[in-house]
Amino acid sequence: MPVIVVYGIPAEATQKELEKFCDSLIAKCVSIPELKLKKNMVSCFFPADRMKKGLGEEIIIFVEGLFKDKKRTDEVRRCLATQLVNVTRIHFHDALAECFVKPYDPKLGFASSE
């Protein structure tokens, strides 16, 4: 299921702020009916950025592993990207935010321990 990966988070962001941001991102995914997602189906990660310069100025979001489905049209993916950018701007007002939604066909290789 989808994985949200966010780069460029300001170094001074607290654990509490990251948790709220993560919850907001996941809630936005769940709120789009065509995605047919539940909270426990979406993961969110904030990999450590090795270069501190520019953190918080530009935040880039990737949505990986969003399985292809006939209801997950280009329009729905654009809506998701826009909504995640909007959520990011609420939490990090001054940052340029961009989101890339990458659909995935599970026939290309997928396994789960669940």
PDB file of N, CA and C in Angstrom:
ATOM      1  N   MET A   1       0.835  -1.180   0.000  1.00  0.00           N
ATOM      2  CA  MET A   1       0.000   0.000   0.000  1.00  0.00           C
ATOM      3  C   MET A   1       0.883   1.248   0.000  1.00  0.00           C
ATOM      4  N   PRO A   2       0.310   2.407  -0.083  1.00  0.00           N
ATOM      5  CA  PRO A   2       1.116   3.606  -0.294  1.00  0.00           C
ATOM      6  C   PRO A   2       2.075   3.930   0.844  1.00  0.00           C
ATOM      7  N   VAL A   3       3.209   4.468   0.439  1.00  0.00           N
ATOM      8  CA  VAL A   3       4.220   4.942   1.367  1.00  0.00           C
ATOM      9  C   VAL A   3       4.483   6.400   1.019  1.00  0.00           C
ATOM     10  N   ILE A   4       4.340   7.273   2.002  1.00  0.00           N
ATOM     11  CA  ILE A   4       4.635   8.687   1.817  1.00  0.00           C
ATOM     12  C   ILE A   4       6.049   8.924   2.339  1.00  0.00           C
ATOM     13  N   VAL A   5       6.913   9.442   1.469  1.00  0.00           N
ATOM     14  CA  VAL A   5       8.290   9.723   1.842  1.00  0.00           C
ATOM     15  C   VAL A   5       8.507  11.229   1.662  1.00  0.00           C
ATOM     16  N   VAL A   6       8.953  11.883   2.732  1.00  0.00           N
ATOM     17  CA  VAL A   6       9.076  13.341   2.720  1.00  0.00           C
ATOM     18  C   VAL A   6      10.537  13.730   2.968  1.00  0.00           C
ATOM     19  N   TYR A   7      11.059  14.554   2.073  1.00  0.00           N
ATOM     20  CA  TYR A   7      12.419  15.063   2.188  1.00  0.00           C
ATOM     21  C   TYR A   7      12.395  16.573   2.418  1.00  0.00           C
ATOM     22  N   GLY A   8      13.404  17.080   3.107  1.00  0.00           N
ATOM     23  CA  GLY A   8      13.579  18.510   3.264  1.00  0.00           C
ATOM     24  C   GLY A   8      12.939  19.103   4.501  1.00  0.00           C
ATOM     25  N   ILE A   9      12.541  18.265   5.439  1.00  0.00           N
ATOM     26  CA  ILE A   9      11.922  18.751   6.675  1.00  0.00           C
ATOM     27  C   ILE A   9      12.955  19.581   7.446  1.00  0.00           C
ATOM     28  N   PRO A  10      12.549  20.728   7.994  1.00  0.00           N
ATOM     29  CA  PRO A  10      13.499  21.550   8.754  1.00  0.00           C
ATOM     30  C   PRO A  10      14.113  20.765   9.919  1.00  0.00           C
ATOM     31  N   ALA A  11      15.394  20.964  10.139  1.00  0.00           N
ATOM     32  CA  ALA A  11      16.115  20.246  11.194  1.00  0.00           C
ATOM     33  C   ALA A  11      15.527  20.514  12.575  1.00  0.00           C
ATOM     34  N   GLU A  12      14.933  21.687  12.770  1.00  0.00           N
ATOM     35  CA  GLU A  12      14.392  22.036  14.083  1.00  0.00           C
ATOM     36  C   GLU A  12      12.989  21.478  14.337  1.00  0.00           C
ATOM     37  N   ALA A  13      12.406  20.767  13.368  1.00  0.00           N
ATOM     38  CA  ALA A  13      11.082  20.173  13.571  1.00  0.00           C
ATOM     39  C   ALA A  13      11.141  19.158  14.711  1.00  0.00           C
ATOM     40  N   THR A  14      10.215  19.263  15.640  1.00  0.00           N
ATOM     41  CA  THR A  14      10.195  18.373  16.793  1.00  0.00           C
ATOM     42  C   THR A  14       9.491  17.063  16.456  1.00  0.00           C
ATOM     43  N   GLN A  15       9.681  16.083  17.319  1.00  0.00           N
ATOM     44  CA  GLN A  15       9.006  14.796  17.156  1.00  0.00           C
ATOM     45  C   GLN A  15       7.488  14.992  17.128  1.00  0.00           C
ATOM     46  N   LYS A  16       6.990  15.825  18.008  1.00  0.00           N
ATOM     47  CA  LYS A  16       5.551  16.091  18.078  1.00  0.00           C
ATOM     48  C   LYS A  16       5.039  16.725  16.770  1.00  0.00           C
ATOM     49  N   GLU A  17       5.804  17.668  16.232  1.00  0.00           N
ATOM     50  CA  GLU A  17       5.425  18.298  14.970  1.00  0.00           C
ATOM     51  C   GLU A  17       5.421  17.289  13.822  1.00  0.00           C
ATOM     52  N   LEU A  18       6.420  16.416  13.805  1.00  0.00           N
ATOM     53  CA  LEU A  18       6.484  15.390  12.758  1.00  0.00           C
ATOM     54  C   LEU A  18       5.316  14.416  12.870  1.00  0.00           C
ATOM     55  N   GLU A  19       4.958  14.042  14.088  1.00  0.00           N
ATOM     56  CA  GLU A  19       3.831  13.129  14.278  1.00  0.00           C
ATOM     57  C   GLU A  19       2.529  13.766  13.799  1.00  0.00           C
ATOM     58  N   LYS A  20       2.324  15.055  14.119  1.00  0.00           N
ATOM     59  CA  LYS A  20       1.121  15.752  13.665  1.00  0.00           C
ATOM     60  C   LYS A  20       1.095  15.858  12.144  1.00  0.00           C
ATOM     61  N   PHE A  21       2.236  16.173  11.556  1.00  0.00           N
ATOM     62  CA  PHE A  21       2.343  16.279  10.105  1.00  0.00           C
ATOM     63  C   PHE A  21       2.047  14.930   9.450  1.00  0.00           C
ATOM     64  N   CYS A  22       2.645  13.870   9.976  1.00  0.00           N
ATOM     65  CA  CYS A  22       2.415  12.519   9.468  1.00  0.00           C
ATOM     66  C   CYS A  22       0.928  12.169   9.544  1.00  0.00           C
ATOM     67  N   ASP A  23       0.324  12.417  10.689  1.00  0.00           N
ATOM     68  CA  ASP A  23      -1.106  12.132  10.857  1.00  0.00           C
ATOM     69  C   ASP A  23      -1.946  12.913   9.849  1.00  0.00           C
ATOM     70  N   SER A  24      -1.575  14.168   9.600  1.00  0.00           N
ATOM     71  CA  SER A  24      -2.314  14.997   8.644  1.00  0.00           C
ATOM     72  C   SER A  24      -2.175  14.463   7.219  1.00  0.00           C
ATOM     73  N   LEU A  25      -0.971  14.043   6.849  1.00  0.00           N
ATOM     74  CA  LEU A  25      -0.753  13.484   5.516  1.00  0.00           C
ATOM     75  C   LEU A  25      -1.572  12.207   5.315  1.00  0.00           C
ATOM     76  N   ILE A  26      -1.525  11.325   6.304  1.00  0.00           N
ATOM     77  CA  ILE A  26      -2.268  10.065   6.205  1.00  0.00           C
ATOM     78  C   ILE A  26      -3.771  10.333   6.172  1.00  0.00           C
ATOM     79  N   ALA A  27      -4.243  11.246   7.016  1.00  0.00           N
ATOM     80  CA  ALA A  27      -5.670  11.585   7.040  1.00  0.00           C
ATOM     81  C   ALA A  27      -6.127  12.104   5.687  1.00  0.00           C
ATOM     82  N   LYS A  28      -5.287  12.882   5.021  1.00  0.00           N
ATOM     83  CA  LYS A  28      -5.651  13.414   3.710  1.00  0.00           C
ATOM     84  C   LYS A  28      -5.765  12.286   2.695  1.00  0.00           C
ATOM     85  N   CYS A  29      -4.870  11.309   2.745  1.00  0.00           N
ATOM     86  CA  CYS A  29      -4.956  10.154   1.842  1.00  0.00           C
ATOM     87  C   CYS A  29      -6.254   9.394   2.063  1.00  0.00           C
ATOM     88  N   VAL A  30      -6.585   9.190   3.313  1.00  0.00           N
ATOM     89  CA  VAL A  30      -7.784   8.428   3.676  1.00  0.00           C
ATOM     90  C   VAL A  30      -9.058   9.184   3.280  1.00  0.00           C
ATOM     91  N   SER A  31      -8.993  10.498   3.223  1.00  0.00           N
ATOM     92  CA  SER A  31     -10.173  11.305   2.949  1.00  0.00           C
ATOM     93  C   SER A  31     -10.592  11.284   1.472  1.00  0.00           C
ATOM     94  N   ILE A  32      -9.757  10.765   0.604  1.00  0.00           N
ATOM     95  CA  ILE A  32     -10.085  10.716  -0.825  1.00  0.00           C
ATOM     96  C   ILE A  32     -10.739   9.368  -1.113  1.00  0.00           C
ATOM     97  N   PRO A  33     -12.063   9.356  -1.327  1.00  0.00           N
ATOM     98  CA  PRO A  33     -12.806   8.084  -1.413  1.00  0.00           C
ATOM     99  C   PRO A  33     -12.329   7.153  -2.524  1.00  0.00           C
ATOM    100  N   GLU A  34     -11.896   7.706  -3.652  1.00  0.00           N
ATOM    101  CA  GLU A  34     -11.479   6.863  -4.776  1.00  0.00           C
ATOM    102  C   GLU A  34     -10.237   6.034  -4.465  1.00  0.00           C
ATOM    103  N   LEU A  35      -9.469   6.459  -3.481  1.00  0.00           N
ATOM    104  CA  LEU A  35      -8.268   5.702  -3.120  1.00  0.00           C
ATOM    105  C   LEU A  35      -8.599   4.453  -2.311  1.00  0.00           C
ATOM    106  N   LYS A  36      -9.748   4.466  -1.660  1.00  0.00           N
ATOM    107  CA  LYS A  36     -10.188   3.307  -0.853  1.00  0.00           C
ATOM    108  C   LYS A  36      -9.109   2.880   0.147  1.00  0.00           C
ATOM    109  N   LEU A  37      -8.620   3.844   0.913  1.00  0.00           N
ATOM    110  CA  LEU A  37      -7.564   3.569   1.883  1.00  0.00           C
ATOM    111  C   LEU A  37      -8.079   3.732   3.303  1.00  0.00           C
ATOM    112  N   LYS A  38      -7.501   2.947   4.195  1.00  0.00           N
ATOM    113  CA  LYS A  38      -7.723   3.103   5.627  1.00  0.00           C
ATOM    114  C   LYS A  38      -6.412   3.564   6.241  1.00  0.00           C
ATOM    115  N   LYS A  39      -6.522   4.145   7.432  1.00  0.00           N
ATOM    116  CA  LYS A  39      -5.356   4.699   8.112  1.00  0.00           C
ATOM    117  C   LYS A  39      -4.190   3.714   8.222  1.00  0.00           C
ATOM    118  N   ASN A  40      -4.503   2.476   8.536  1.00  0.00           N
ATOM    119  CA  ASN A  40      -3.454   1.478   8.753  1.00  0.00           C
ATOM    120  C   ASN A  40      -2.831   0.970   7.450  1.00  0.00           C
ATOM    121  N   MET A  41      -3.304   1.478   6.320  1.00  0.00           N
ATOM    122  CA  MET A  41      -2.778   1.042   5.028  1.00  0.00           C
ATOM    123  C   MET A  41      -1.709   1.991   4.481  1.00  0.00           C
ATOM    124  N   VAL A  42      -1.501   3.126   5.126  1.00  0.00           N
ATOM    125  CA  VAL A  42      -0.585   4.147   4.627  1.00  0.00           C
ATOM    126  C   VAL A  42       0.567   4.313   5.614  1.00  0.00           C
ATOM    127  N   SER A  43       1.778   4.312   5.099  1.00  0.00           N
ATOM    128  CA  SER A  43       2.971   4.546   5.924  1.00  0.00           C
ATOM    129  C   SER A  43       3.564   5.890   5.558  1.00  0.00           C
ATOM    130  N   CYS A  44       4.257   6.492   6.500  1.00  0.00           N
ATOM    131  CA  CYS A  44       4.864   7.804   6.285  1.00  0.00           C
ATOM    132  C   CYS A  44       6.265   7.799   6.886  1.00  0.00           C
ATOM    133  N   PHE A  45       7.258   8.220   6.088  1.00  0.00           N
ATOM    134  CA  PHE A  45       8.641   8.231   6.550  1.00  0.00           C
ATOM    135  C   PHE A  45       9.290   9.578   6.248  1.00  0.00           C
ATOM    136  N   PHE A  46      10.195   9.973   7.119  1.00  0.00           N
ATOM    137  CA  PHE A  46      10.966  11.201   6.975  1.00  0.00           C
ATOM    138  C   PHE A  46      12.451  10.823   7.013  1.00  0.00           C
ATOM    139  N   PRO A  47      13.018  10.408   5.879  1.00  0.00           N
ATOM    140  CA  PRO A  47      14.433  10.031   5.879  1.00  0.00           C
ATOM    141  C   PRO A  47      15.309  11.214   6.278  1.00  0.00           C
ATOM    142  N   ALA A  48      16.387  10.906   6.938  1.00  0.00           N
ATOM    143  CA  ALA A  48      17.330  11.953   7.347  1.00  0.00           C
ATOM    144  C   ALA A  48      18.009  12.534   6.109  1.00  0.00           C
ATOM    145  N   ASP A  49      18.044  13.847   6.045  1.00  0.00           N
ATOM    146  CA  ASP A  49      18.756  14.517   4.964  1.00  0.00           C
ATOM    147  C   ASP A  49      20.194  14.749   5.429  1.00  0.00           C
ATOM    148  N   ARG A  50      21.141  14.330   4.643  1.00  0.00           N
ATOM    149  CA  ARG A  50      22.540  14.452   5.038  1.00  0.00           C
ATOM    150  C   ARG A  50      23.067  15.867   4.872  1.00  0.00           C
ATOM    151  N   MET A  51      22.451  16.644   3.973  1.00  0.00           N
ATOM    152  CA  MET A  51      22.876  18.029   3.807  1.00  0.00           C
ATOM    153  C   MET A  51      21.854  18.925   4.496  1.00  0.00           C
ATOM    154  N   LYS A  52      22.305  19.675   5.471  1.00  0.00           N
ATOM    155  CA  LYS A  52      21.415  20.521   6.270  1.00  0.00           C
ATOM    156  C   LYS A  52      21.049  21.818   5.555  1.00  0.00           C
ATOM    157  N   LYS A  53      21.893  22.237   4.613  1.00  0.00           N
ATOM    158  CA  LYS A  53      21.649  23.485   3.899  1.00  0.00           C
ATOM    159  C   LYS A  53      20.314  23.406   3.146  1.00  0.00           C
ATOM    160  N   GLY A  54      19.465  24.392   3.354  1.00  0.00           N
ATOM    161  CA  GLY A  54      18.212  24.471   2.621  1.00  0.00           C
ATOM    162  C   GLY A  54      17.042  23.704   3.217  1.00  0.00           C
ATOM    163  N   LEU A  55      17.290  22.978   4.302  1.00  0.00           N
ATOM    164  CA  LEU A  55      16.187  22.234   4.904  1.00  0.00           C
ATOM    165  C   LEU A  55      15.079  23.196   5.315  1.00  0.00           C
ATOM    166  N   GLY A  56      13.856  22.833   4.999  1.00  0.00           N
ATOM    167  CA  GLY A  56      12.712  23.655   5.328  1.00  0.00           C
ATOM    168  C   GLY A  56      12.365  24.671   4.261  1.00  0.00           C
ATOM    169  N   GLU A  57      13.278  24.887   3.317  1.00  0.00           N
ATOM    170  CA  GLU A  57      12.990  25.810   2.219  1.00  0.00           C
ATOM    171  C   GLU A  57      12.204  25.120   1.116  1.00  0.00           C
ATOM    172  N   GLU A  58      12.533  23.864   0.879  1.00  0.00           N
ATOM    173  CA  GLU A  58      11.872  23.081  -0.163  1.00  0.00           C
ATOM    174  C   GLU A  58      11.579  21.707   0.418  1.00  0.00           C
ATOM    175  N   ILE A  59      10.315  21.322   0.400  1.00  0.00           N
ATOM    176  CA  ILE A  59       9.909  20.017   0.917  1.00  0.00           C
ATOM    177  C   ILE A  59       9.329  19.216  -0.246  1.00  0.00           C
ATOM    178  N   ILE A  60       9.907  18.050  -0.466  1.00  0.00           N
ATOM    179  CA  ILE A  60       9.503  17.199  -1.579  1.00  0.00           C
ATOM    180  C   ILE A  60       8.859  15.935  -1.021  1.00  0.00           C
ATOM    181  N   ILE A  61       7.692  15.611  -1.541  1.00  0.00           N
ATOM    182  CA  ILE A  61       6.921  14.445  -1.095  1.00  0.00           C
ATOM    183  C   ILE A  61       6.815  13.459  -2.250  1.00  0.00           C
ATOM    184  N   PHE A  62       7.101  12.203  -1.967  1.00  0.00           N
ATOM    185  CA  PHE A  62       6.879  11.133  -2.935  1.00  0.00           C
ATOM    186  C   PHE A  62       5.836  10.185  -2.350  1.00  0.00           C
ATOM    187  N   VAL A  63       4.856   9.844  -3.151  1.00  0.00           N
ATOM    188  CA  VAL A  63       3.905   8.799  -2.772  1.00  0.00           C
ATOM    189  C   VAL A  63       4.272   7.596  -3.631  1.00  0.00           C
ATOM    190  N   GLU A  64       4.800   6.581  -2.983  1.00  0.00           N
ATOM    191  CA  GLU A  64       5.258   5.360  -3.654  1.00  0.00           C
ATOM    192  C   GLU A  64       4.263   4.235  -3.384  1.00  0.00           C
ATOM    193  N   GLY A  65       4.224   3.273  -4.281  1.00  0.00           N
ATOM    194  CA  GLY A  65       3.460   2.057  -4.017  1.00  0.00           C
ATOM    195  C   GLY A  65       1.949   2.225  -4.026  1.00  0.00           C
ATOM    196  N   LEU A  66       1.445   3.262  -4.665  1.00  0.00           N
ATOM    197  CA  LEU A  66      -0.004   3.419  -4.784  1.00  0.00           C
ATOM    198  C   LEU A  66      -0.460   2.496  -5.906  1.00  0.00           C
ATOM    199  N   PHE A  67      -1.056   1.373  -5.535  1.00  0.00           N
ATOM    200  CA  PHE A  67      -1.447   0.366  -6.522  1.00  0.00           C
ATOM    201  C   PHE A  67      -2.371   0.960  -7.569  1.00  0.00           C
ATOM    202  N   LYS A  68      -2.149   0.584  -8.821  1.00  0.00           N
ATOM    203  CA  LYS A  68      -3.018   1.025  -9.905  1.00  0.00           C
ATOM    204  C   LYS A  68      -4.401   0.415  -9.701  1.00  0.00           C
ATOM    205  N   ASP A  69      -5.400   1.226 -10.004  1.00  0.00           N
ATOM    206  CA  ASP A  69      -6.792   0.809  -9.869  1.00  0.00           C
ATOM    207  C   ASP A  69      -7.593   1.703 -10.802  1.00  0.00           C
ATOM    208  N   LYS A  70      -8.667   1.186 -11.378  1.00  0.00           N
ATOM    209  CA  LYS A  70      -9.426   1.979 -12.353  1.00  0.00           C
ATOM    210  C   LYS A  70     -10.014   3.255 -11.752  1.00  0.00           C
ATOM    211  N   LYS A  71     -10.253   3.287 -10.433  1.00  0.00           N
ATOM    212  CA  LYS A  71     -10.777   4.498  -9.792  1.00  0.00           C
ATOM    213  C   LYS A  71      -9.671   5.484  -9.422  1.00  0.00           C
ATOM    214  N   ARG A  72      -8.439   5.044  -9.474  1.00  0.00           N
ATOM    215  CA  ARG A  72      -7.295   5.911  -9.154  1.00  0.00           C
ATOM    216  C   ARG A  72      -6.786   6.548 -10.453  1.00  0.00           C
ATOM    217  N   THR A  73      -7.614   7.396 -11.004  1.00  0.00           N
ATOM    218  CA  THR A  73      -7.337   8.035 -12.283  1.00  0.00           C
ATOM    219  C   THR A  73      -6.246   9.093 -12.147  1.00  0.00           C
ATOM    220  N   ASP A  74      -5.836   9.638 -13.288  1.00  0.00           N
ATOM    221  CA  ASP A  74      -4.869  10.738 -13.278  1.00  0.00           C
ATOM    222  C   ASP A  74      -5.408  11.897 -12.443  1.00  0.00           C
ATOM    223  N   GLU A  75      -6.690  12.178 -12.592  1.00  0.00           N
ATOM    224  CA  GLU A  75      -7.309  13.269 -11.840  1.00  0.00           C
ATOM    225  C   GLU A  75      -7.259  13.019 -10.334  1.00  0.00           C
ATOM    226  N   VAL A  76      -7.505  11.793  -9.922  1.00  0.00           N
ATOM    227  CA  VAL A  76      -7.467  11.450  -8.495  1.00  0.00           C
ATOM    228  C   VAL A  76      -6.048  11.577  -7.964  1.00  0.00           C
ATOM    229  N   ARG A  77      -5.057  11.135  -8.735  1.00  0.00           N
ATOM    230  CA  ARG A  77      -3.660  11.255  -8.303  1.00  0.00           C
ATOM    231  C   ARG A  77      -3.241  12.723  -8.226  1.00  0.00           C
ATOM    232  N   ARG A  78      -3.697  13.543  -9.173  1.00  0.00           N
ATOM    233  CA  ARG A  78      -3.406  14.984  -9.112  1.00  0.00           C
ATOM    234  C   ARG A  78      -4.048  15.604  -7.875  1.00  0.00           C
ATOM    235  N   CYS A  79      -5.274  15.177  -7.570  1.00  0.00           N
ATOM    236  CA  CYS A  79      -5.968  15.668  -6.369  1.00  0.00           C
ATOM    237  C   CYS A  79      -5.169  15.295  -5.121  1.00  0.00           C
ATOM    238  N   LEU A  80      -4.702  14.061  -5.047  1.00  0.00           N
ATOM    239  CA  LEU A  80      -3.897  13.619  -3.908  1.00  0.00           C
ATOM    240  C   LEU A  80      -2.636  14.480  -3.782  1.00  0.00           C
ATOM    241  N   ALA A  81      -1.944  14.686  -4.888  1.00  0.00           N
ATOM    242  CA  ALA A  81      -0.722  15.492  -4.857  1.00  0.00           C
ATOM    243  C   ALA A  81      -1.020  16.904  -4.357  1.00  0.00           C
ATOM    244  N   THR A  82      -2.078  17.509  -4.867  1.00  0.00           N
ATOM    245  CA  THR A  82      -2.445  18.863  -4.452  1.00  0.00           C
ATOM    246  C   THR A  82      -2.788  18.908  -2.973  1.00  0.00           C
ATOM    247  N   GLN A  83      -3.554  17.932  -2.504  1.00  0.00           N
ATOM    248  CA  GLN A  83      -3.948  17.903  -1.097  1.00  0.00           C
ATOM    249  C   GLN A  83      -2.740  17.732  -0.172  1.00  0.00           C
ATOM    250  N   LEU A  84      -1.782  16.901  -0.571  1.00  0.00           N
ATOM    251  CA  LEU A  84      -0.595  16.702   0.264  1.00  0.00           C
ATOM    252  C   LEU A  84       0.285  17.952   0.280  1.00  0.00           C
ATOM    253  N   VAL A  85       0.349  18.664  -0.839  1.00  0.00           N
ATOM    254  CA  VAL A  85       1.078  19.941  -0.862  1.00  0.00           C
ATOM    255  C   VAL A  85       0.382  20.945   0.061  1.00  0.00           C
ATOM    256  N   ASN A  86      -0.950  20.989   0.009  1.00  0.00           N
ATOM    257  CA  ASN A  86      -1.691  21.911   0.868  1.00  0.00           C
ATOM    258  C   ASN A  86      -1.464  21.611   2.348  1.00  0.00           C
ATOM    259  N   VAL A  87      -1.464  20.343   2.713  1.00  0.00           N
ATOM    260  CA  VAL A  87      -1.203  19.947   4.099  1.00  0.00           C
ATOM    261  C   VAL A  87       0.206  20.371   4.505  1.00  0.00           C
ATOM    262  N   THR A  88       1.153  20.188   3.624  1.00  0.00           N
ATOM    263  CA  THR A  88       2.537  20.560   3.913  1.00  0.00           C
ATOM    264  C   THR A  88       2.652  22.059   4.162  1.00  0.00           C
ATOM    265  N   ARG A  89       1.968  22.856   3.357  1.00  0.00           N
ATOM    266  CA  ARG A  89       2.022  24.311   3.517  1.00  0.00           C
ATOM    267  C   ARG A  89       1.370  24.756   4.825  1.00  0.00           C
ATOM    268  N   ILE A  90       0.408  24.005   5.327  1.00  0.00           N
ATOM    269  CA  ILE A  90      -0.195  24.321   6.627  1.00  0.00           C
ATOM    270  C   ILE A  90       0.831  24.126   7.740  1.00  0.00           C
ATOM    271  N   HIS A  91       1.598  23.056   7.646  1.00  0.00           N
ATOM    272  CA  HIS A  91       2.574  22.734   8.699  1.00  0.00           C
ATOM    273  C   HIS A  91       3.885  23.503   8.543  1.00  0.00           C
ATOM    274  N   PHE A  92       4.271  23.795   7.311  1.00  0.00           N
ATOM    275  CA  PHE A  92       5.536  24.478   7.030  1.00  0.00           C
ATOM    276  C   PHE A  92       5.239  25.622   6.052  1.00  0.00           C
ATOM    277  N   HIS A  93       4.773  26.735   6.589  1.00  0.00           N
ATOM    278  CA  HIS A  93       4.225  27.861   5.825  1.00  0.00           C
ATOM    279  C   HIS A  93       5.167  28.425   4.773  1.00  0.00           C
ATOM    280  N   ASP A  94       6.438  28.506   5.094  1.00  0.00           N
ATOM    281  CA  ASP A  94       7.376  29.205   4.221  1.00  0.00           C
ATOM    282  C   ASP A  94       8.039  28.311   3.176  1.00  0.00           C
ATOM    283  N   ALA A  95       7.777  27.040   3.224  1.00  0.00           N
ATOM    284  CA  ALA A  95       8.465  26.113   2.327  1.00  0.00           C
ATOM    285  C   ALA A  95       7.769  26.010   0.971  1.00  0.00           C
ATOM    286  N   LEU A  96       8.575  25.853  -0.063  1.00  0.00           N
ATOM    287  CA  LEU A  96       8.061  25.433  -1.353  1.00  0.00           C
ATOM    288  C   LEU A  96       7.783  23.943  -1.203  1.00  0.00           C
ATOM    289  N   ALA A  97       6.604  23.494  -1.582  1.00  0.00           N
ATOM    290  CA  ALA A  97       6.260  22.075  -1.442  1.00  0.00           C
ATOM    291  C   ALA A  97       5.887  21.503  -2.806  1.00  0.00           C
ATOM    292  N   GLU A  98       6.400  20.313  -3.078  1.00  0.00           N
ATOM    293  CA  GLU A  98       6.070  19.599  -4.309  1.00  0.00           C
ATOM    294  C   GLU A  98       5.770  18.147  -3.959  1.00  0.00           C
ATOM    295  N   CYS A  99       4.872  17.542  -4.735  1.00  0.00           N
ATOM    296  CA  CYS A  99       4.492  16.149  -4.489  1.00  0.00           C
ATOM    297  C   CYS A  99       4.464  15.384  -5.802  1.00  0.00           C
ATOM    298  N   PHE A 100       5.052  14.202  -5.776  1.00  0.00           N
ATOM    299  CA  PHE A 100       5.068  13.303  -6.923  1.00  0.00           C
ATOM    300  C   PHE A 100       4.351  12.011  -6.530  1.00  0.00           C
ATOM    301  N   VAL A 101       3.280  11.674  -7.226  1.00  0.00           N
ATOM    302  CA  VAL A 101       2.534  10.449  -6.952  1.00  0.00           C
ATOM    303  C   VAL A 101       2.910   9.439  -8.021  1.00  0.00           C
ATOM    304  N   LYS A 102       3.472   8.319  -7.565  1.00  0.00           N
ATOM    305  CA  LYS A 102       3.955   7.301  -8.483  1.00  0.00           C
ATOM    306  C   LYS A 102       3.080   6.039  -8.369  1.00  0.00           C
ATOM    307  N   PRO A 103       2.183   5.833  -9.342  1.00  0.00           N
ATOM    308  CA  PRO A 103       1.350   4.632  -9.282  1.00  0.00           C
ATOM    309  C   PRO A 103       2.213   3.381  -9.475  1.00  0.00           C
ATOM    310  N   TYR A 104       1.752   2.297  -8.903  1.00  0.00           N
ATOM    311  CA  TYR A 104       2.523   1.059  -8.958  1.00  0.00           C
ATOM    312  C   TYR A 104       1.607  -0.100  -9.346  1.00  0.00           C
ATOM    313  N   ASP A 105       2.084  -0.950 -10.239  1.00  0.00           N
ATOM    314  CA  ASP A 105       1.348  -2.146 -10.635  1.00  0.00           C
ATOM    315  C   ASP A 105       1.897  -3.329  -9.833  1.00  0.00           C
ATOM    316  N   PRO A 106       1.099  -3.865  -8.896  1.00  0.00           N
ATOM    317  CA  PRO A 106       1.604  -4.959  -8.045  1.00  0.00           C
ATOM    318  C   PRO A 106       1.998  -6.213  -8.832  1.00  0.00           C
ATOM    319  N   LYS A 107       1.543  -6.339 -10.063  1.00  0.00           N
ATOM    320  CA  LYS A 107       1.931  -7.494 -10.884  1.00  0.00           C
ATOM    321  C   LYS A 107       3.428  -7.461 -11.198  1.00  0.00           C
ATOM    322  N   LEU A 108       4.043  -6.288 -11.056  1.00  0.00           N
ATOM    323  CA  LEU A 108       5.466  -6.163 -11.324  1.00  0.00           C
ATOM    324  C   LEU A 108       6.320  -6.733 -10.189  1.00  0.00           C
ATOM    325  N   GLY A 109       5.686  -7.059  -9.096  1.00  0.00           N
ATOM    326  CA  GLY A 109       6.398  -7.647  -7.963  1.00  0.00           C
ATOM    327  C   GLY A 109       5.973  -7.007  -6.663  1.00  0.00           C
ATOM    328  N   PHE A 110       5.250  -7.760  -5.868  1.00  0.00           N
ATOM    329  CA  PHE A 110       4.813  -7.262  -4.558  1.00  0.00           C
ATOM    330  C   PHE A 110       4.640  -8.450  -3.639  1.00  0.00           C
ATOM    331  N   ALA A 111       5.041  -8.285  -2.399  1.00  0.00           N
ATOM    332  CA  ALA A 111       4.823  -9.302  -1.375  1.00  0.00           C
ATOM    333  C   ALA A 111       4.575  -8.583  -0.053  1.00  0.00           C
ATOM    334  N   SER A 112       3.865  -9.229   0.834  1.00  0.00           N
ATOM    335  CA  SER A 112       3.579  -8.651   2.150  1.00  0.00           C
ATOM    336  C   SER A 112       3.573  -9.764   3.189  1.00  0.00           C
ATOM    337  N   SER A 113       4.035  -9.452   4.377  1.00  0.00           N
ATOM    338  CA  SER A 113       4.021 -10.446   5.443  1.00  0.00           C
ATOM    339  C   SER A 113       2.653 -10.513   6.115  1.00  0.00           C
ATOM    340  N   GLU A 114       1.765  -9.599   5.755  1.00  0.00           N
ATOM    341  CA  GLU A 114       0.431  -9.558   6.373  1.00  0.00           C
ATOM    342  C   GLU A 114      -0.450 -10.652   5.817  1.00  0.00           C
TER     343      GLU A 114
END
